[in-house]
Amino acid sequence: MNQFIDAYLIELDSYQHVLNGKIIKSIFFGGGTPSLAPPVFFEKVINKISKYSTLAPQIEVTLEANPTSSEAKKFYDYSRAGVNRVSIGIQSFNQKYLKFLGREHSADEAREAIFYAAKYFSRYSFDLIYALPEQSLKSWEEELSVAIKYTNKHMSVYQLTIEKGTQFYGDYKKKKFTMPNQNIAADFYYITQNILSKYGMPQYEISNHAAAGEESIHNMTYWEYGDYLGIGAGAHGRYTFNSIKYATVNTHLPEKWLKQIEERGNALQHKEELSEDEQNEEKIIMGLRLSKGVDKKLLFNKRKYKQLLEDGYLDEGENLVRATEKGRLVLNRLISELIV
């Protein structure tokens, strides 16, 4: 563990030229299970960043955490180390669905994790997954209504998707379970929007809901195409230096990442300069996820843009264009048509 902690600090040193003089608005410890790391890890990383940069007075420091009892009981120690927000992978309050999703925690542990989060953090969020096999619209409505009682003005809700190369995909192909059809999946989506909006947490991004002012600062950085450094195995980044926007990807395997850091001070697998057109494409991809939309000037495929407006997939204001509710249901297709 000490080797890995030292490697993170060394990698941060390699970005000293980028960090110098910056005001840092957010730090996000995510990917894998960062809450398994000891609290001293977070303290040392935050201190290293503050050595080169200024931490904003209202900085958001988020930790992704699993809701197992062993991790939740360390929330106090994480708060002492400088973490001030947790994002908990609840996924469901229903024991049957937790088993299907292969989660190690129980529904009781999920509730206990939220109890500890509320005790030690002024801001926390958790995520849920819907449109599961055999899940009825009524049962999802009931689960969402229960979840609202535990929320702290922010919730992430994702529709289950089956990705190739996963155990879910293999089981799906073997017909061990069936997924809701597209029409029912759309009904799940509409129910989610209606209930969470009713309780004062409207959608601000395709999968995220929050009360005004409670949006995730860090995730908004991605969607608004701000700069961020990616540190650690498999991390990706987008940052500007000397007026050039760079895209970076780190080596994925942790042991290989560690070896490269120790040998050369970084573990970059890929680094490239992004052209203006490439940046605009990424701004469209990220910005259309937001409810407020994206700058209209970025949509250079005017013919396709006008057609999508006429078909009701897009809606435009004076300077911004956004996906309509109809458009958000087919967002990936929408984006691919706009950037061709």
Protein backbone atom coordinates (compact mmCIF):
# COMPACT_ATOMS: atom_id res chain seq x y z
CA MET A 1 0.00 0.00 0.00
CA ASN A 2 2.82 2.41 0.82
CA GLN A 3 4.32 1.74 -2.62
CA PHE A 4 1.05 2.70 -4.28
CA ILE A 5 0.62 5.83 -2.16
CA ASP A 6 4.15 6.94 -3.04
CA ALA A 7 3.42 6.28 -6.74
CA TYR A 8 0.38 8.56 -6.70
CA LEU A 9 2.47 11.33 -5.16
CA ILE A 10 5.22 10.83 -7.75
CA GLU A 11 2.68 11.01 -10.56
CA LEU A 12 1.30 14.25 -9.15
CA ASP A 13 4.87 15.61 -9.09
CA SER A 14 5.08 14.91 -12.84
CA TYR A 15 2.17 17.34 -13.34
CA GLN A 16 3.68 20.12 -11.27
CA HIS A 17 3.96 22.33 -14.37
CA VAL A 18 0.21 21.95 -14.99
CA LEU A 19 -0.87 22.34 -11.36
CA ASN A 20 1.23 25.41 -10.54
CA GLY A 21 -0.95 28.44 -9.89
CA LYS A 22 -4.25 26.64 -10.48
CA ILE A 23 -7.31 26.91 -8.26
CA ILE A 24 -8.63 23.39 -7.70
CA LYS A 25 -12.43 23.18 -7.45
CA SER A 26 -12.79 19.42 -7.04
CA ILE A 27 -10.95 16.18 -6.38
CA PHE A 28 -12.65 12.87 -7.16
CA PHE A 29 -11.43 9.52 -5.83
CA GLY A 30 -13.18 7.02 -8.07
CA GLY A 31 -12.78 3.94 -10.21
CA GLY A 32 -12.60 0.48 -8.67
CA THR A 33 -13.03 0.68 -4.91
CA PRO A 34 -11.02 3.63 -3.57
CA SER A 35 -12.74 3.39 -0.19
CA LEU A 36 -10.63 0.28 0.49
CA ALA A 37 -7.58 2.55 0.74
CA PRO A 38 -6.51 3.80 4.20
CA PRO A 39 -7.52 7.38 5.11
CA VAL A 40 -3.87 8.48 5.06
CA PHE A 41 -3.85 7.93 1.29
CA PHE A 42 -6.49 10.61 0.72
CA GLU A 43 -4.82 12.98 3.16
CA LYS A 44 -1.45 12.67 1.42
CA VAL A 45 -2.89 13.13 -2.07
CA ILE A 46 -4.86 16.23 -1.04
CA ASN A 47 -1.80 17.69 0.67
CA LYS A 48 0.36 17.06 -2.40
CA ILE A 49 -2.14 18.83 -4.66
CA SER A 50 -2.28 21.78 -2.24
CA LYS A 51 1.52 22.02 -2.42
CA TYR A 52 1.32 23.08 -6.07
CA SER A 53 -2.17 24.61 -6.29
CA THR A 54 -4.70 26.57 -4.29
CA LEU A 55 -7.65 24.55 -3.02
CA ALA A 56 -10.86 26.53 -3.55
CA PRO A 57 -12.62 27.54 -0.29
CA GLN A 58 -15.65 25.44 -1.26
CA ILE A 59 -13.67 22.59 -2.84
CA GLU A 60 -15.59 19.35 -3.39
CA VAL A 61 -13.62 16.22 -2.45
CA THR A 62 -15.65 13.14 -3.39
CA LEU A 63 -14.98 9.51 -2.57
CA GLU A 64 -16.75 6.65 -4.33
CA ALA A 65 -17.65 4.03 -1.74
CA ASN A 66 -19.34 0.66 -1.56
CA PRO A 67 -22.03 0.32 1.12
CA THR A 68 -20.50 -2.64 2.95
CA SER A 69 -20.39 -2.25 6.73
CA SER A 70 -16.58 -2.34 6.87
CA GLU A 71 -16.28 0.62 4.50
CA ALA A 72 -19.17 2.69 5.86
CA LYS A 73 -17.76 2.58 9.37
CA LYS A 74 -14.60 4.30 8.07
CA PHE A 75 -16.54 7.36 6.86
CA TYR A 76 -15.54 9.34 9.93
CA ASP A 77 -11.85 8.70 9.20
CA TYR A 78 -12.32 9.72 5.56
CA SER A 79 -13.93 12.98 6.64
CA ARG A 80 -10.96 13.68 8.93
CA ALA A 81 -8.61 13.03 5.98
CA GLY A 82 -10.24 15.77 3.89
CA VAL A 83 -13.05 14.01 2.02
CA ASN A 84 -16.26 16.08 2.23
CA ARG A 85 -18.62 14.17 -0.08
CA VAL A 86 -19.27 10.48 -0.73
CA SER A 87 -20.94 8.77 -3.68
CA ILE A 88 -22.28 5.39 -2.58
CA GLY A 89 -22.89 2.48 -4.94
CA ILE A 90 -26.25 1.42 -3.50
CA GLN A 91 -27.74 0.24 -6.84
CA SER A 92 -30.88 -1.16 -5.20
CA PHE A 93 -32.72 -1.40 -1.90
CA ASN A 94 -34.24 -4.70 -3.07
CA GLN A 95 -32.38 -7.83 -1.96
CA LYS A 96 -33.43 -9.83 -5.03
CA TYR A 97 -32.01 -7.25 -7.42
CA LEU A 98 -28.81 -6.86 -5.40
CA LYS A 99 -28.24 -10.59 -5.79
CA PHE A 100 -28.87 -10.40 -9.54
CA LEU A 101 -26.41 -7.50 -9.85
CA GLY A 102 -23.77 -9.49 -7.97
CA ARG A 103 -23.46 -6.96 -5.15
CA GLU A 104 -21.82 -8.02 -1.91
CA HIS A 105 -23.83 -5.72 0.33
CA SER A 106 -27.34 -6.21 1.65
CA ALA A 107 -30.27 -3.80 1.58
CA ASP A 108 -29.76 -3.23 5.32
CA GLU A 109 -26.10 -2.37 4.75
CA ALA A 110 -27.17 0.09 2.06
CA ARG A 111 -29.36 1.93 4.54
CA GLU A 112 -26.62 1.79 7.19
CA ALA A 113 -24.09 3.32 4.74
CA ILE A 114 -26.46 6.22 4.10
CA PHE A 115 -26.86 6.70 7.86
CA TYR A 116 -23.07 7.05 8.27
CA ALA A 117 -22.82 9.29 5.20
CA ALA A 118 -25.45 11.65 6.62
CA LYS A 119 -23.69 11.64 9.98
CA TYR A 120 -20.25 12.63 8.71
CA PHE A 121 -20.78 14.49 5.41
CA SER A 122 -22.87 17.53 4.60
CA ARG A 123 -23.14 16.29 1.00
CA TYR A 124 -23.55 12.75 -0.26
CA SER A 125 -25.09 10.93 -3.18
CA PHE A 126 -25.99 7.37 -4.09
CA ASP A 127 -26.85 5.55 -7.29
CA LEU A 128 -29.65 3.21 -8.30
CA ILE A 129 -30.14 0.96 -11.33
CA TYR A 130 -33.52 0.38 -12.97
CA ALA A 131 -35.17 -1.53 -15.85
CA LEU A 132 -33.93 -4.80 -14.37
CA PRO A 133 -35.20 -8.26 -15.43
CA GLU A 134 -38.68 -8.97 -14.01
CA GLN A 135 -38.84 -5.49 -12.48
CA SER A 136 -42.29 -3.96 -12.82
CA LEU A 137 -42.97 -0.27 -13.25
CA LYS A 138 -44.90 -0.31 -9.97
CA SER A 139 -42.02 -1.90 -8.01
CA TRP A 140 -39.57 0.66 -9.40
CA GLU A 141 -41.93 3.49 -8.50
CA GLU A 142 -42.16 2.13 -4.96
CA GLU A 143 -38.37 1.69 -4.66
CA LEU A 144 -37.75 5.21 -5.94
CA SER A 145 -40.24 6.62 -3.44
CA VAL A 146 -38.41 4.82 -0.64
CA ALA A 147 -35.01 6.03 -1.92
CA ILE A 148 -36.15 9.65 -1.82
CA LYS A 149 -36.48 9.36 1.97
CA TYR A 150 -32.75 8.64 2.20
CA THR A 151 -31.47 11.12 -0.35
CA ASN A 152 -29.55 14.30 0.36
CA LYS A 153 -30.62 16.34 -2.69
CA HIS A 154 -28.57 14.33 -5.22
CA MET A 155 -29.17 10.94 -6.83
CA SER A 156 -27.74 9.10 -9.85
CA VAL A 157 -30.06 6.69 -11.65
CA TYR A 158 -28.91 4.42 -14.46
CA GLN A 159 -30.76 2.08 -16.76
CA LEU A 160 -29.18 -1.37 -16.83
CA THR A 161 -27.31 -1.97 -20.08
CA ILE A 162 -25.78 -5.26 -21.15
CA GLU A 163 -22.19 -4.79 -22.34
CA LYS A 164 -20.26 -7.35 -24.40
CA GLY A 165 -17.53 -9.16 -22.52
CA THR A 166 -19.40 -9.15 -19.20
CA GLN A 167 -20.98 -12.04 -17.32
CA PHE A 168 -24.34 -10.30 -17.77
CA TYR A 169 -23.88 -10.50 -21.55
CA GLY A 170 -23.08 -14.22 -21.41
CA ASP A 171 -26.09 -14.95 -19.20
CA TYR A 172 -28.30 -12.81 -21.43
CA LYS A 173 -27.21 -14.74 -24.54
CA LYS A 174 -27.93 -18.01 -22.73
CA LYS A 175 -31.41 -16.62 -22.02
CA LYS A 176 -30.99 -16.88 -18.27
CA PHE A 177 -32.96 -13.63 -18.05
CA THR A 178 -34.82 -11.24 -20.33
CA MET A 179 -34.58 -7.46 -20.47
CA PRO A 180 -37.59 -5.09 -20.63
CA ASN A 181 -38.46 -4.11 -24.20
CA GLN A 182 -37.71 -0.59 -25.44
CA ASN A 183 -41.22 0.74 -24.82
CA ILE A 184 -41.25 -0.42 -21.20
CA ALA A 185 -37.68 0.88 -20.72
CA ALA A 186 -38.92 4.29 -21.88
CA ASP A 187 -41.74 4.10 -19.32
CA PHE A 188 -39.15 3.45 -16.60
CA TYR A 189 -37.31 6.57 -17.73
CA TYR A 190 -40.45 8.76 -17.72
CA ILE A 191 -41.50 7.55 -14.26
CA THR A 192 -38.01 8.36 -12.94
CA GLN A 193 -38.10 11.91 -14.33
CA ASN A 194 -41.60 12.59 -13.02
CA ILE A 195 -41.03 11.32 -9.48
CA LEU A 196 -37.64 12.96 -8.92
CA SER A 197 -38.80 16.27 -10.42
CA LYS A 198 -41.84 16.20 -8.17
CA TYR A 199 -39.54 15.87 -5.14
CA GLY A 200 -37.38 18.82 -6.15
CA MET A 201 -34.55 16.93 -7.84
CA PRO A 202 -34.94 17.52 -11.58
CA GLN A 203 -32.61 15.94 -14.10
CA TYR A 204 -29.53 18.08 -14.74
CA GLU A 205 -27.66 15.40 -16.69
CA ILE A 206 -28.90 12.28 -18.47
CA SER A 207 -28.44 10.07 -15.38
CA ASN A 208 -28.18 12.60 -12.56
CA HIS A 209 -30.76 14.48 -10.52
CA ALA A 210 -30.21 17.19 -7.93
CA ALA A 211 -31.78 20.11 -6.14
CA ALA A 212 -30.56 23.50 -7.38
CA GLY A 213 -26.98 24.07 -6.23
CA GLU A 214 -26.38 20.42 -5.29
CA GLU A 215 -25.04 19.26 -8.67
CA SER A 216 -21.73 17.38 -8.61
CA ILE A 217 -19.01 19.99 -9.20
CA HIS A 218 -16.56 17.40 -10.43
CA ASN A 219 -18.87 15.71 -12.91
CA MET A 220 -20.00 19.08 -14.22
CA THR A 221 -16.34 19.69 -15.09
CA TYR A 222 -16.48 16.70 -17.46
CA TRP A 223 -19.77 17.66 -19.06
CA GLU A 224 -18.87 21.33 -19.45
CA TYR A 225 -15.53 20.30 -20.95
CA GLY A 226 -13.34 21.76 -18.25
CA ASP A 227 -9.80 20.64 -17.47
CA TYR A 228 -9.01 17.68 -15.22
CA LEU A 229 -5.97 15.51 -14.53
CA GLY A 230 -6.28 11.73 -14.50
CA ILE A 231 -4.06 10.11 -11.85
CA GLY A 232 -3.72 6.38 -11.23
CA ALA A 233 -4.07 3.15 -13.20
CA GLY A 234 -6.42 3.49 -16.18
CA ALA A 235 -7.16 7.16 -15.50
CA HIS A 236 -7.87 9.55 -18.37
CA GLY A 237 -7.49 13.32 -18.43
CA ARG A 238 -8.13 16.48 -20.42
CA TYR A 239 -6.01 19.51 -19.59
CA THR A 240 -4.73 22.69 -21.19
CA PHE A 241 -1.08 23.77 -21.06
CA ASN A 242 0.40 26.64 -23.08
CA SER A 243 -2.96 27.00 -24.87
CA ILE A 244 -2.87 23.37 -26.11
CA LYS A 245 -5.57 20.90 -25.02
CA TYR A 246 -4.20 17.43 -24.28
CA ALA A 247 -5.96 14.08 -23.91
CA THR A 248 -4.23 11.48 -21.74
CA VAL A 249 -4.79 7.83 -20.85
CA ASN A 250 -2.78 5.94 -18.26
CA THR A 251 -1.68 2.32 -18.34
CA HIS A 252 -4.60 0.20 -17.10
CA LEU A 253 -3.02 -2.69 -15.17
CA PRO A 254 -2.23 -1.49 -11.61
CA GLU A 255 1.00 -3.50 -11.30
CA LYS A 256 2.24 -2.23 -14.68
CA TRP A 257 1.20 1.34 -13.77
CA LEU A 258 3.14 1.07 -10.50
CA LYS A 259 6.28 -0.20 -12.26
CA GLN A 260 6.20 2.58 -14.86
CA ILE A 261 5.74 5.28 -12.21
CA GLU A 262 8.72 3.95 -10.30
CA GLU A 263 10.86 3.71 -13.44
CA ARG A 264 10.00 6.93 -15.26
CA GLY A 265 7.74 9.07 -13.04
CA ASN A 266 4.58 8.64 -15.16
CA ALA A 267 2.52 5.84 -16.66
CA LEU A 268 1.15 7.52 -19.77
CA GLN A 269 -0.13 5.02 -22.28
CA HIS A 270 -1.35 7.71 -24.64
CA LYS A 271 -1.07 11.49 -24.90
CA GLU A 272 -2.20 13.62 -27.82
CA GLU A 273 -2.94 17.20 -28.75
CA LEU A 274 -6.60 17.72 -29.59
CA SER A 275 -7.48 19.78 -32.65
CA GLU A 276 -10.24 22.37 -32.49
CA ASP A 277 -12.60 20.04 -34.40
CA GLU A 278 -11.83 17.16 -32.03
CA GLN A 279 -12.49 19.40 -29.04
CA ASN A 280 -15.79 20.57 -30.53
CA GLU A 281 -16.88 16.97 -31.08
CA GLU A 282 -16.12 16.14 -27.45
CA LYS A 283 -17.97 19.27 -26.30
CA ILE A 284 -21.05 18.04 -28.21
CA ILE A 285 -20.74 14.50 -26.81
CA MET A 286 -20.47 15.75 -23.24
CA GLY A 287 -22.65 18.86 -23.43
CA LEU A 288 -25.74 17.19 -24.87
CA ARG A 289 -25.88 15.03 -21.75
CA LEU A 290 -26.73 18.17 -19.79
CA SER A 291 -30.31 19.36 -19.46
CA LYS A 292 -29.21 22.92 -20.21
CA GLY A 293 -27.62 21.79 -23.47
CA VAL A 294 -24.62 22.89 -25.49
CA ASP A 295 -23.50 25.96 -27.47
CA LYS A 296 -25.42 26.07 -30.74
CA LYS A 297 -22.33 27.22 -32.66
CA LEU A 298 -20.69 23.82 -32.11
CA LEU A 299 -23.25 21.97 -34.23
CA PHE A 300 -21.51 22.16 -37.59
CA ASN A 301 -23.68 19.50 -39.31
CA LYS A 302 -26.44 22.03 -40.06
CA ARG A 303 -28.53 19.80 -42.31
CA LYS A 304 -28.76 17.01 -39.72
CA TYR A 305 -29.25 19.57 -36.94
CA LYS A 306 -32.28 21.13 -38.66
CA GLN A 307 -33.77 17.70 -39.35
CA LEU A 308 -33.43 16.65 -35.70
CA LEU A 309 -35.07 19.91 -34.64
CA GLU A 310 -38.01 19.30 -36.98
CA ASP A 311 -38.35 15.70 -35.75
CA GLY A 312 -38.54 16.84 -32.13
CA TYR A 313 -35.26 15.35 -30.90
CA LEU A 314 -33.65 18.74 -30.24
CA ASP A 315 -34.86 22.00 -28.81
CA GLU A 316 -33.07 25.33 -29.26
CA GLY A 317 -32.85 28.58 -27.35
CA GLU A 318 -31.06 31.78 -28.24
CA ASN A 319 -27.54 30.35 -27.80
CA LEU A 320 -28.01 26.78 -26.61
CA VAL A 321 -29.44 23.59 -28.04
CA ARG A 322 -30.50 20.64 -25.91
CA ALA A 323 -31.93 17.18 -26.35
CA THR A 324 -35.67 16.96 -25.74
CA GLU A 325 -37.13 14.22 -23.56
CA LYS A 326 -37.67 12.24 -26.78
CA GLY A 327 -34.07 12.91 -27.81
CA ARG A 328 -32.59 11.85 -24.47
CA LEU A 329 -34.09 8.40 -24.94
CA VAL A 330 -31.87 7.91 -28.03
CA LEU A 331 -29.02 10.22 -27.02
CA ASN A 332 -26.14 8.08 -28.35
CA ARG A 333 -27.74 7.90 -31.79
CA LEU A 334 -28.45 11.61 -31.68
CA ILE A 335 -24.84 12.47 -30.91
CA SER A 336 -23.45 10.16 -33.57
CA GLU A 337 -25.60 11.84 -36.22
CA LEU A 338 -24.56 15.34 -35.15
CA ILE A 339 -20.81 14.74 -35.22
CA VAL A 340 -20.61 12.82 -38.53
